[in-house]
Structures are given as C-alpha cells and as structure tokens.
Amino acid sequence: MTTKELSSKTCTPCRGGIAPMAPDEARRYAEQTPGWALDDKATLIERRFEFGDFASALAFVNTIGALAEQEGHHPDIRFGWGYCSIVLFTHKIDGLHENDFILAAKINELAEA
C-alpha cells in the first residue's frame, strides 16, 4: 500500500474486540507514513511538527481537530509555542489499527499543504 492509497481511505469505526496490528504489519504501514515514529512495542506512532510561532501551531492543531472529527478517529495532541506532537493509536484495542496510519497519511498531506 502506498501513502496516497492510505490517504484516500476513510477511517472505519473500531468497536474493539479485535487484536491490534502485529508489529511486522505495523512496520510495513509505518513505511508509508514518513516522519512518523513507531514505538518499540509497535503499539503507537508519533510525530512532531515544528512551526515558527504559537499561532501557526494552534492553526495546525485546529485543522487536525477538524480532520479527526470528520474521520471519527481522534489523536492525542500536545502543542505549544512552535510545536505540535501527535500520538496515534486505537484506544479501543490499545494498539495500532489501519485507521491510525490513514489519519497519519492525511495529517502528512495537511502538513505539506
């Protein structure tokens, strides 16, 4: 799967009751989401974005928030003056799901715009 294929998908509701993505599969998906770091246990991905000021970081967070609402998949976001850090994992399965990588790919497109 390519980055473009991921970003063209829509997140699907995860109601739980399924196993999180296996580490090998998570590593394959991570290759399609440049800039995102997979943690050691392959249970989450994270990326930090840098900005020239607080207002730019806040605007990016607000754009991500709108995207997250549209996709029905909500990241953990930390931000402050000049930065925004985003953590993605699927809370209902306490690990990674394809939705996390779909949202990461879409966030990457927002950052490039």
Protein backbone atom coordinates (compact mmCIF):
# COMPACT_ATOMS: atom_id res chain seq x y z
CA MET A 1 0.00 0.00 0.00
CA THR A 2 1.26 3.50 -0.82
CA THR A 3 0.93 6.74 1.11
CA LYS A 4 -1.57 8.02 -1.46
CA GLU A 5 -3.66 4.86 -1.12
CA LEU A 6 -3.72 5.30 2.66
CA SER A 7 -4.73 8.95 2.49
CA SER A 8 -7.52 8.17 0.04
CA LYS A 9 -9.18 5.81 2.54
CA THR A 10 -11.65 6.78 5.26
CA CYS A 11 -11.31 5.63 8.84
CA THR A 12 -13.82 2.95 9.79
CA PRO A 13 -15.27 2.73 13.30
CA CYS A 14 -13.38 0.28 15.50
CA ARG A 15 -15.65 -1.12 18.17
CA GLY A 16 -12.98 -3.23 19.80
CA GLY A 17 -12.96 -6.98 20.09
CA ILE A 18 -10.13 -7.33 17.58
CA ALA A 19 -6.41 -7.72 18.09
CA PRO A 20 -4.17 -4.75 17.44
CA MET A 21 -1.91 -4.82 14.42
CA ALA A 22 1.06 -7.19 14.68
CA PRO A 23 4.49 -5.49 14.85
CA ASP A 24 5.54 -6.66 11.37
CA GLU A 25 2.37 -5.29 9.82
CA ALA A 26 2.76 -2.03 11.75
CA ARG A 27 6.31 -1.66 10.42
CA ARG A 28 5.05 -2.13 6.83
CA TYR A 29 2.39 0.54 7.34
CA ALA A 30 4.91 2.85 9.03
CA GLU A 31 6.99 2.81 5.85
CA GLN A 32 4.06 4.52 4.12
CA THR A 33 3.79 7.34 6.68
CA PRO A 34 7.09 9.25 6.51
CA GLY A 35 8.04 11.22 9.60
CA TRP A 36 6.02 9.06 11.99
CA ALA A 37 7.94 7.02 14.55
CA LEU A 38 6.73 3.62 15.66
CA ASP A 39 7.34 2.93 19.36
CA ASP A 40 9.43 -0.08 20.45
CA LYS A 41 6.38 -2.28 21.09
CA ALA A 42 4.63 -1.22 17.84
CA THR A 43 1.60 0.00 19.81
CA LEU A 44 1.57 3.65 18.69
CA ILE A 45 3.00 6.11 16.20
CA GLU A 46 4.10 9.65 16.93
CA ARG A 47 5.24 12.69 15.00
CA ARG A 48 6.38 16.16 15.99
CA PHE A 49 5.81 19.16 13.73
CA GLU A 50 7.74 22.43 14.10
CA PHE A 51 6.37 25.94 13.48
CA GLY A 52 7.68 29.49 13.62
CA ASP A 53 5.24 30.64 16.26
CA PHE A 54 2.35 29.74 18.54
CA ALA A 55 -0.41 30.86 16.14
CA SER A 56 0.82 28.55 13.38
CA ALA A 57 0.96 25.57 15.75
CA LEU A 58 -2.55 26.36 17.00
CA ALA A 59 -3.90 26.68 13.45
CA PHE A 60 -2.42 23.29 12.58
CA VAL A 61 -3.94 21.71 15.70
CA ASN A 62 -7.35 23.15 14.79
CA THR A 63 -7.06 21.77 11.25
CA ILE A 64 -6.12 18.34 12.63
CA GLY A 65 -9.04 18.54 15.05
CA ALA A 66 -11.47 19.15 12.20
CA LEU A 67 -9.97 16.26 10.23
CA ALA A 68 -10.19 13.98 13.27
CA GLU A 69 -13.88 14.81 13.72
CA GLN A 70 -14.53 14.15 10.04
CA GLU A 71 -12.74 10.79 10.22
CA GLY A 72 -14.17 9.81 13.61
CA HIS A 73 -10.66 8.96 14.79
CA HIS A 74 -9.08 11.16 17.43
CA PRO A 75 -5.35 11.56 18.13
CA ASP A 76 -3.66 12.65 21.32
CA ILE A 77 -2.24 16.13 20.63
CA ARG A 78 0.24 18.23 22.60
CA PHE A 79 1.24 21.66 21.38
CA GLY A 80 2.83 24.89 22.45
CA TRP A 81 4.93 27.70 21.08
CA GLY A 82 6.35 26.44 17.79
CA TYR A 83 5.47 22.75 18.01
CA CYS A 84 2.75 20.15 17.80
CA SER A 85 3.23 16.49 18.80
CA ILE A 86 0.67 13.93 17.72
CA VAL A 87 0.27 10.38 19.04
CA LEU A 88 -1.93 7.90 17.22
CA PHE A 89 -3.22 4.55 18.42
CA THR A 90 -6.64 2.99 18.64
CA HIS A 91 -7.86 3.29 22.22
CA LYS A 92 -10.47 0.51 21.97
CA ILE A 93 -7.82 -2.10 21.11
CA ASP A 94 -4.91 -0.45 22.95
CA GLY A 95 -2.73 -0.67 19.88
CA LEU A 96 -2.48 0.11 16.21
CA HIS A 97 -5.15 -0.27 13.55
CA GLU A 98 -5.14 0.73 9.88
CA ASN A 99 -7.12 3.85 10.92
CA ASP A 100 -4.05 5.21 12.70
CA PHE A 101 -1.99 5.09 9.53
CA ILE A 102 -4.83 6.51 7.42
CA LEU A 103 -5.04 9.51 9.73
CA ALA A 104 -1.23 9.86 9.80
CA ALA A 105 -1.14 9.93 5.98
CA LYS A 106 -3.88 12.58 5.92
CA ILE A 107 -2.06 14.66 8.55
CA ASN A 108 1.10 14.45 6.45
CA GLU A 109 -0.85 15.85 3.49
CA LEU A 110 -2.11 18.73 5.65
CA ALA A 111 1.44 19.49 6.74
CA GLU A 112 2.63 19.57 3.13
CA ALA A 113 -0.16 21.93 2.01
